Amino acid sequence: MSILNKIIKKDDEKKSKAAAKPKAAKKVAKPKAEKVARVKSGVVPMHYFEIIKRPYISEKAFSINSMGQYVFLVATGANKTEIKKAIEQAYKVKVSGVNITKAKPKPKKYKGYPSVRSGFTKAVVTLQKGSTMDIMEGVK
């Protein structure tokens, strides 16, 4: 009987292998996704009075006024083109260039306790020749 059992097992193994092989599945076409217009996250249009905070007052800022350059504190998220448009709208002048510098927050101590001085963004605005603006008319 042992020979008969071996033959039966071989036949069963062949049948199980044939059953285990997956049949060629029919490919189903996936529906095409519609293209959605993407908006850059975090980009919010700002008005000029939100971009320009105030003029930056220092000795160096006054010395470069004679060359047609003015310094402003601006919003940290504003880029050069936004600053240019804001200055042109607010002061009715033509801007030829904008340079931006970012000051990082600095750790300080106040009465012995650690604190952090906030960072800020400065914009040096260069006007076209012949253009001037009076940024100090509101400063006392």
C-alpha atoms as a PDB file:
ATOM      1  CA  MET A   1       0.000   0.000   0.000  1.00  0.00           C
ATOM      2  CA  SER A   2       2.846   2.347   0.544  1.00  0.00           C
ATOM      3  CA  ILE A   3       3.596   2.528  -3.177  1.00  0.00           C
ATOM      4  CA  LEU A   4      -0.020   3.351  -3.909  1.00  0.00           C
ATOM      5  CA  ASN A   5       0.013   6.114  -1.251  1.00  0.00           C
ATOM      6  CA  LYS A   6       3.146   7.676  -2.826  1.00  0.00           C
ATOM      7  CA  ILE A   7       1.498   7.765  -6.247  1.00  0.00           C
ATOM      8  CA  ILE A   8      -1.661   9.367  -4.826  1.00  0.00           C
ATOM      9  CA  LYS A   9       0.406  12.002  -2.952  1.00  0.00           C
ATOM     10  CA  LYS A  10       2.304  12.909  -6.141  1.00  0.00           C
ATOM     11  CA  ASP A  11      -0.971  13.320  -8.025  1.00  0.00           C
ATOM     12  CA  ASP A  12      -2.394  15.478  -5.222  1.00  0.00           C
ATOM     13  CA  GLU A  13       0.735  17.670  -5.180  1.00  0.00           C
ATOM     14  CA  LYS A  14       0.510  18.227  -8.951  1.00  0.00           C
ATOM     15  CA  LYS A  15      -3.150  19.210  -8.654  1.00  0.00           C
ATOM     16  CA  SER A  16      -2.501  21.579  -5.746  1.00  0.00           C
ATOM     17  CA  LYS A  17       0.387  23.291  -7.606  1.00  0.00           C
ATOM     18  CA  ALA A  18      -1.804  23.755 -10.656  1.00  0.00           C
ATOM     19  CA  ALA A  19      -4.573  25.200  -8.470  1.00  0.00           C
ATOM     20  CA  ALA A  20      -2.104  27.486  -6.634  1.00  0.00           C
ATOM     21  CA  LYS A  21      -0.942  29.151  -9.853  1.00  0.00           C
ATOM     22  CA  PRO A  22      -2.904  32.370 -10.283  1.00  0.00           C
ATOM     23  CA  LYS A  23      -4.763  32.735 -13.486  1.00  0.00           C
ATOM     24  CA  ALA A  24      -4.034  35.786 -15.585  1.00  0.00           C
ATOM     25  CA  ALA A  25      -6.168  38.520 -14.060  1.00  0.00           C
ATOM     26  CA  LYS A  26      -7.950  40.897 -16.330  1.00  0.00           C
ATOM     27  CA  LYS A  27      -6.571  44.407 -16.123  1.00  0.00           C
ATOM     28  CA  VAL A  28      -9.142  46.940 -15.132  1.00  0.00           C
ATOM     29  CA  ALA A  29      -8.538  50.477 -16.323  1.00  0.00           C
ATOM     30  CA  LYS A  30      -8.374  52.929 -13.442  1.00  0.00           C
ATOM     31  CA  PRO A  31     -10.380  56.098 -13.854  1.00  0.00           C
ATOM     32  CA  LYS A  32      -8.172  59.084 -14.599  1.00  0.00           C
ATOM     33  CA  ALA A  33      -7.973  61.619 -11.825  1.00  0.00           C
ATOM     34  CA  GLU A  34      -8.951  65.139 -12.751  1.00  0.00           C
ATOM     35  CA  LYS A  35      -6.230  67.753 -12.540  1.00  0.00           C
ATOM     36  CA  VAL A  36      -6.786  70.134  -9.681  1.00  0.00           C
ATOM     37  CA  ALA A  37      -5.230  73.583  -9.640  1.00  0.00           C
ATOM     38  CA  ARG A  38      -2.803  73.690  -6.739  1.00  0.00           C
ATOM     39  CA  VAL A  39      -2.201  76.767  -4.655  1.00  0.00           C
ATOM     40  CA  LYS A  40       1.065  77.275  -2.793  1.00  0.00           C
ATOM     41  CA  SER A  41       0.373  76.772   0.860  1.00  0.00           C
ATOM     42  CA  GLY A  42       0.991  79.736   3.115  1.00  0.00           C
ATOM     43  CA  VAL A  43       0.910  82.296   0.319  1.00  0.00           C
ATOM     44  CA  VAL A  44      -1.588  84.989   1.186  1.00  0.00           C
ATOM     45  CA  PRO A  45      -1.716  88.278  -0.709  1.00  0.00           C
ATOM     46  CA  MET A  46      -0.978  91.206   1.595  1.00  0.00           C
ATOM     47  CA  HIS A  47      -1.912  94.872   1.381  1.00  0.00           C
ATOM     48  CA  TYR A  48       0.895  97.423   1.376  1.00  0.00           C
ATOM     49  CA  PHE A  49       0.233  98.609   4.908  1.00  0.00           C
ATOM     50  CA  GLU A  50       0.667  95.017   6.113  1.00  0.00           C
ATOM     51  CA  ILE A  51       4.013  94.716   4.311  1.00  0.00           C
ATOM     52  CA  ILE A  52       5.638  97.985   5.365  1.00  0.00           C
ATOM     53  CA  LYS A  53       5.819  98.225   9.151  1.00  0.00           C
ATOM     54  CA  ARG A  54       7.809 101.445   9.614  1.00  0.00           C
ATOM     55  CA  PRO A  55      10.956 103.272   8.484  1.00  0.00           C
ATOM     56  CA  TYR A  56      14.158 102.008  10.094  1.00  0.00           C
ATOM     57  CA  ILE A  57      15.907 104.881  11.857  1.00  0.00           C
ATOM     58  CA  SER A  58      19.686 104.750  12.337  1.00  0.00           C
ATOM     59  CA  GLU A  59      22.749 106.816  11.452  1.00  0.00           C
ATOM     60  CA  LYS A  60      23.588 104.623   8.494  1.00  0.00           C
ATOM     61  CA  ALA A  61      19.988 104.766   7.236  1.00  0.00           C
ATOM     62  CA  PHE A  62      20.160 108.589   7.255  1.00  0.00           C
ATOM     63  CA  SER A  63      23.530 108.629   5.494  1.00  0.00           C
ATOM     64  CA  ILE A  64      22.306 106.531   2.550  1.00  0.00           C
ATOM     65  CA  ASN A  65      19.197 108.729   2.077  1.00  0.00           C
ATOM     66  CA  SER A  66      21.352 111.149   0.067  1.00  0.00           C
ATOM     67  CA  MET A  67      22.061 108.351  -2.446  1.00  0.00           C
ATOM     68  CA  GLY A  68      18.346 107.656  -2.953  1.00  0.00           C
ATOM     69  CA  GLN A  69      18.211 104.614  -0.673  1.00  0.00           C
ATOM     70  CA  TYR A  70      15.715 104.226   2.182  1.00  0.00           C
ATOM     71  CA  VAL A  71      15.476 101.544   4.872  1.00  0.00           C
ATOM     72  CA  PHE A  72      12.212 100.026   6.123  1.00  0.00           C
ATOM     73  CA  LEU A  73      11.194  97.300   8.538  1.00  0.00           C
ATOM     74  CA  VAL A  74       8.948  94.938   6.605  1.00  0.00           C
ATOM     75  CA  ALA A  75       6.879  91.801   7.195  1.00  0.00           C
ATOM     76  CA  THR A  76       8.987  88.657   7.495  1.00  0.00           C
ATOM     77  CA  GLY A  77       7.080  86.776   4.773  1.00  0.00           C
ATOM     78  CA  ALA A  78       7.287  89.530   2.141  1.00  0.00           C
ATOM     79  CA  ASN A  79       9.481  89.105  -0.927  1.00  0.00           C
ATOM     80  CA  LYS A  80      11.227  91.747  -3.047  1.00  0.00           C
ATOM     81  CA  THR A  81       8.470  92.200  -5.613  1.00  0.00           C
ATOM     82  CA  GLU A  82       5.805  92.622  -2.925  1.00  0.00           C
ATOM     83  CA  ILE A  83       7.958  95.197  -1.116  1.00  0.00           C
ATOM     84  CA  LYS A  84       8.570  97.082  -4.366  1.00  0.00           C
ATOM     85  CA  LYS A  85       4.850  97.263  -5.148  1.00  0.00           C
ATOM     86  CA  ALA A  86       4.024  98.310  -1.580  1.00  0.00           C
ATOM     87  CA  ILE A  87       6.543 101.183  -1.586  1.00  0.00           C
ATOM     88  CA  GLU A  88       5.339 102.381  -4.986  1.00  0.00           C
ATOM     89  CA  GLN A  89       1.709 102.362  -3.808  1.00  0.00           C
ATOM     90  CA  ALA A  90       2.336 103.954  -0.423  1.00  0.00           C
ATOM     91  CA  TYR A  91       4.807 106.708  -1.392  1.00  0.00           C
ATOM     92  CA  LYS A  92       3.960 107.214  -5.107  1.00  0.00           C
ATOM     93  CA  VAL A  93       7.594 106.820  -6.264  1.00  0.00           C
ATOM     94  CA  LYS A  94       9.434 104.573  -8.748  1.00  0.00           C
ATOM     95  CA  VAL A  95      11.621 101.874  -7.176  1.00  0.00           C
ATOM     96  CA  SER A  96      14.631 100.557  -9.068  1.00  0.00           C
ATOM     97  CA  GLY A  97      15.804  97.912  -6.596  1.00  0.00           C
ATOM     98  CA  VAL A  98      15.176  96.220  -3.249  1.00  0.00           C
ATOM     99  CA  ASN A  99      17.664  94.426  -0.989  1.00  0.00           C
ATOM    100  CA  ILE A 100      16.512  92.390   2.002  1.00  0.00           C
ATOM    101  CA  THR A 101      18.379  91.441   5.181  1.00  0.00           C
ATOM    102  CA  LYS A 102      16.988  89.216   7.918  1.00  0.00           C
ATOM    103  CA  ALA A 103      18.152  89.605  11.510  1.00  0.00           C
ATOM    104  CA  LYS A 104      17.834  86.413  13.511  1.00  0.00           C
ATOM    105  CA  PRO A 105      16.382  86.361  17.037  1.00  0.00           C
ATOM    106  CA  LYS A 106      19.116  86.721  19.663  1.00  0.00           C
ATOM    107  CA  PRO A 107      19.191  85.197  23.129  1.00  0.00           C
ATOM    108  CA  LYS A 108      19.470  87.888  25.834  1.00  0.00           C
ATOM    109  CA  LYS A 109      19.102  88.158  29.593  1.00  0.00           C
ATOM    110  CA  TYR A 110      16.619  90.474  31.266  1.00  0.00           C
ATOM    111  CA  LYS A 111      17.105  90.914  35.039  1.00  0.00           C
ATOM    112  CA  GLY A 112      19.086  87.681  35.077  1.00  0.00           C
ATOM    113  CA  TYR A 113      16.435  85.625  33.306  1.00  0.00           C
ATOM    114  CA  PRO A 114      16.997  84.300  29.782  1.00  0.00           C
ATOM    115  CA  SER A 115      14.799  85.719  27.058  1.00  0.00           C
ATOM    116  CA  VAL A 116      14.892  86.146  23.294  1.00  0.00           C
ATOM    117  CA  ARG A 117      15.012  89.413  21.364  1.00  0.00           C
ATOM    118  CA  SER A 118      12.750  89.091  18.347  1.00  0.00           C
ATOM    119  CA  GLY A 119      14.180  88.994  14.847  1.00  0.00           C
ATOM    120  CA  PHE A 120      13.146  91.317  12.036  1.00  0.00           C
ATOM    121  CA  THR A 121      13.456  91.891   8.301  1.00  0.00           C
ATOM    122  CA  LYS A 122      14.943  95.089   6.833  1.00  0.00           C
ATOM    123  CA  ALA A 123      14.514  96.243   3.259  1.00  0.00           C
ATOM    124  CA  VAL A 124      16.865  98.742   1.627  1.00  0.00           C
ATOM    125  CA  VAL A 125      14.876 100.363  -1.186  1.00  0.00           C
ATOM    126  CA  THR A 126      16.712 102.151  -4.003  1.00  0.00           C
ATOM    127  CA  LEU A 127      14.703 104.755  -5.913  1.00  0.00           C
ATOM    128  CA  GLN A 128      15.154 105.758  -9.527  1.00  0.00           C
ATOM    129  CA  LYS A 129      17.205 108.895 -10.148  1.00  0.00           C
ATOM    130  CA  GLY A 130      15.246 112.052  -9.489  1.00  0.00           C
ATOM    131  CA  SER A 131      12.766 110.353  -7.120  1.00  0.00           C
ATOM    132  CA  THR A 132      12.718 111.325  -3.453  1.00  0.00           C
ATOM    133  CA  MET A 133      10.420 110.655  -0.538  1.00  0.00           C
ATOM    134  CA  ASP A 134       9.969 112.200   2.873  1.00  0.00           C
ATOM    135  CA  ILE A 135       9.758 109.283   5.299  1.00  0.00           C
ATOM    136  CA  MET A 136      10.384 111.419   8.387  1.00  0.00           C
ATOM    137  CA  GLU A 137       7.324 113.673   8.136  1.00  0.00           C
ATOM    138  CA  GLY A 138       5.464 111.657  10.805  1.00  0.00           C
ATOM    139  CA  VAL A 139       8.469 111.190  13.147  1.00  0.00           C
ATOM    140  CA  LYS A 140       8.897 113.703  15.986  1.00  0.00           C
END
